Protein backbone atom coordinates (compact mmCIF):
# COMPACT_ATOMS: atom_id res chain seq x y z
CA MET A 1 0.00 0.00 0.00
CA GLN A 2 1.48 3.32 -1.10
CA THR A 3 1.85 6.02 1.55
CA ALA A 4 0.46 8.75 -0.72
CA GLN A 5 -2.53 6.58 -1.60
CA PHE A 6 -3.21 5.88 2.08
CA GLU A 7 -2.93 9.57 2.98
CA HIS A 8 -5.34 10.42 0.14
CA ALA A 9 -7.79 7.87 1.56
CA ILE A 10 -7.52 9.54 4.99
CA GLU A 11 -8.26 12.91 3.39
CA ASN A 12 -11.35 11.42 1.73
CA ILE A 13 -12.53 10.00 5.05
CA LEU A 14 -11.97 13.30 6.87
CA ARG A 15 -14.13 15.12 4.33
CA ARG A 16 -17.14 13.11 5.51
CA ASP A 17 -16.20 11.98 9.04
CA ARG A 18 -13.94 14.00 11.35
CA ARG A 19 -14.37 11.93 14.54
CA PHE A 20 -10.84 10.56 14.52
CA ASP A 21 -7.50 12.30 14.15
CA PRO A 22 -5.50 11.52 10.98
CA GLN A 23 -2.69 10.16 13.18
CA ALA A 24 -5.08 7.50 14.48
CA TYR A 25 -5.48 6.14 10.94
CA LEU A 26 -1.73 6.10 10.39
CA PHE A 27 -1.24 4.26 13.67
CA LEU A 28 -4.00 1.81 12.74
CA LYS A 29 -2.14 1.00 9.51
CA ASP A 30 1.05 0.42 11.54
CA SER A 31 -0.98 -1.78 13.90
CA LEU A 32 -2.30 -3.85 11.03
CA ASP A 33 1.24 -4.33 9.67
CA PHE A 34 2.42 -5.29 13.18
CA THR A 35 -0.46 -7.75 13.61
CA LEU A 36 -0.06 -9.29 10.15
CA LYS A 37 3.65 -9.86 10.81
CA ARG A 38 2.84 -11.47 14.16
CA ALA A 39 0.17 -13.69 12.57
CA SER A 40 2.46 -14.83 9.75
CA GLU A 41 5.22 -15.72 12.24
CA GLY A 42 2.74 -17.93 14.05
CA ASN A 43 1.61 -19.44 10.74
CA GLY A 44 4.92 -20.74 9.42
CA GLY A 45 5.66 -17.43 7.70
CA GLN A 46 2.49 -17.59 5.62
CA PRO A 47 0.34 -14.45 5.51
CA ARG A 48 -3.28 -14.78 6.58
CA HIS A 49 -6.32 -12.69 7.34
CA VAL A 50 -6.54 -11.42 10.93
CA SER A 51 -9.75 -11.07 12.89
CA GLY A 52 -11.00 -7.88 14.47
CA LYS A 53 -9.98 -9.19 17.89
CA GLU A 54 -6.47 -10.03 16.68
CA LEU A 55 -6.11 -6.55 15.17
CA LEU A 56 -7.27 -4.94 18.40
CA ILE A 57 -4.75 -6.94 20.43
CA GLY A 58 -2.00 -5.90 18.03
CA PHE A 59 -3.25 -2.30 18.23
CA ARG A 60 -3.05 -2.40 22.04
CA ASP A 61 0.34 -4.10 22.14
CA LEU A 62 1.91 -1.73 19.62
CA ALA A 63 0.45 1.32 21.40
CA LEU A 64 1.92 0.20 24.72
CA GLN A 65 5.25 -0.57 23.06
CA GLU A 66 5.43 2.70 21.10
CA PHE A 67 3.80 5.18 23.48
CA GLY A 68 4.09 3.65 26.96
CA PRO A 69 2.35 5.78 29.59
CA MET A 70 1.19 8.26 26.92
CA ALA A 71 -0.89 5.62 25.07
CA GLY A 72 -4.13 6.43 26.90
CA THR A 73 -3.68 10.16 26.44
CA LEU A 74 -3.01 9.74 22.73
CA MET A 75 -6.03 7.52 22.24
CA SER A 76 -8.20 10.19 23.85
CA GLU A 77 -6.62 13.00 21.82
CA TRP A 78 -7.18 10.99 18.64
CA GLY A 79 -10.89 10.61 19.48
CA LEU A 80 -10.68 6.92 20.36
CA GLN A 81 -12.69 5.91 23.41
CA ASP A 82 -13.19 2.19 22.92
CA THR A 83 -12.47 -0.78 20.69
CA ARG A 84 -15.56 -0.12 18.57
CA ASN A 85 -14.01 3.20 17.51
CA VAL A 86 -11.04 1.27 16.12
CA GLY A 87 -13.48 -0.93 14.21
CA GLU A 88 -15.24 2.14 12.86
CA MET A 89 -11.91 3.38 11.50
CA VAL A 90 -11.24 -0.06 9.98
CA PHE A 91 -14.55 0.01 8.14
CA LEU A 92 -13.96 3.57 6.93
CA LEU A 93 -10.65 2.35 5.49
CA ILE A 94 -12.40 -0.67 3.96
CA ASP A 95 -14.81 1.76 2.25
CA GLU A 96 -11.76 3.49 0.78
CA GLN A 97 -10.40 0.10 -0.35
CA MET A 98 -7.31 0.50 1.84
CA PHE A 99 -8.10 -2.51 4.03
CA GLY A 100 -9.63 -5.78 2.90
CA LYS A 101 -12.35 -7.76 4.57
CA GLN A 102 -13.98 -11.13 4.44
CA ASP A 103 -17.75 -11.50 4.17
CA SER A 104 -17.85 -12.68 7.77
CA ASP A 105 -16.11 -9.54 9.14
CA THR A 106 -18.44 -7.12 10.93
CA LEU A 107 -18.20 -4.00 13.03
CA GLU A 108 -19.50 -6.06 15.96
CA ASP A 109 -16.20 -8.01 15.86
CA PHE A 110 -14.65 -4.90 17.42
CA GLU A 111 -17.10 -4.37 20.28
CA ASP A 112 -16.04 -4.67 23.92
CA ILE A 113 -12.80 -6.58 23.33
CA TYR A 114 -11.06 -4.66 26.11
CA ASP A 115 -11.53 -1.50 28.12
CA PHE A 116 -9.29 1.36 26.98
CA HIS A 117 -8.67 2.58 30.52
CA GLU A 118 -7.60 -0.87 31.68
CA ALA A 119 -5.49 -1.44 28.56
CA PHE A 120 -3.70 1.89 28.27
CA THR A 121 -3.75 3.55 31.71
CA LEU A 122 -3.76 0.88 34.43
CA PRO A 123 -0.44 -0.71 33.39
CA PHE A 124 1.24 2.59 34.29
CA THR A 125 -0.76 3.49 37.40
CA PRO A 126 1.31 3.12 40.59
CA LYS A 127 -0.15 0.82 43.20
CA SER A 128 -1.73 2.78 46.01
CA ARG A 129 -0.18 2.67 49.46
CA LEU A 130 -3.28 0.93 50.78
CA GLU A 131 -2.92 -1.91 48.22
CA THR A 132 0.76 -2.26 49.09
CA SER A 133 0.15 -2.28 52.87
CA ASP A 134 -2.59 -4.92 52.48
CA ARG A 135 -0.01 -7.35 51.15
CA ASN A 136 2.37 -6.93 54.11
């Protein structure tokens, strides 16, 4: 997929739907690449289609790896509140023929896979003193 072609697709999307920051789409593309690479490594090097859940797990893992404690803040700044929002971006990119889909793929595949707060904020929240003293 050509970078200029992908950026043009984002521009087309933003003309009709401005809910999500352009950077969110670029990160989603990186997440798909990351997830596809991971899936092919687990499939004897053979590429394969990834499910919505697999993409969301790759999205989360790459965000934590790339952005660390800022992941939750970035998601919020980009207009992403939950996993369904990621699915909505996926389907906007499918409409632009940037991402492919199988007939069985639906937006519902992206609903309630994980909580954004738990995924992006809690890993970096220090344990409270009360929690620590309870263990002693």
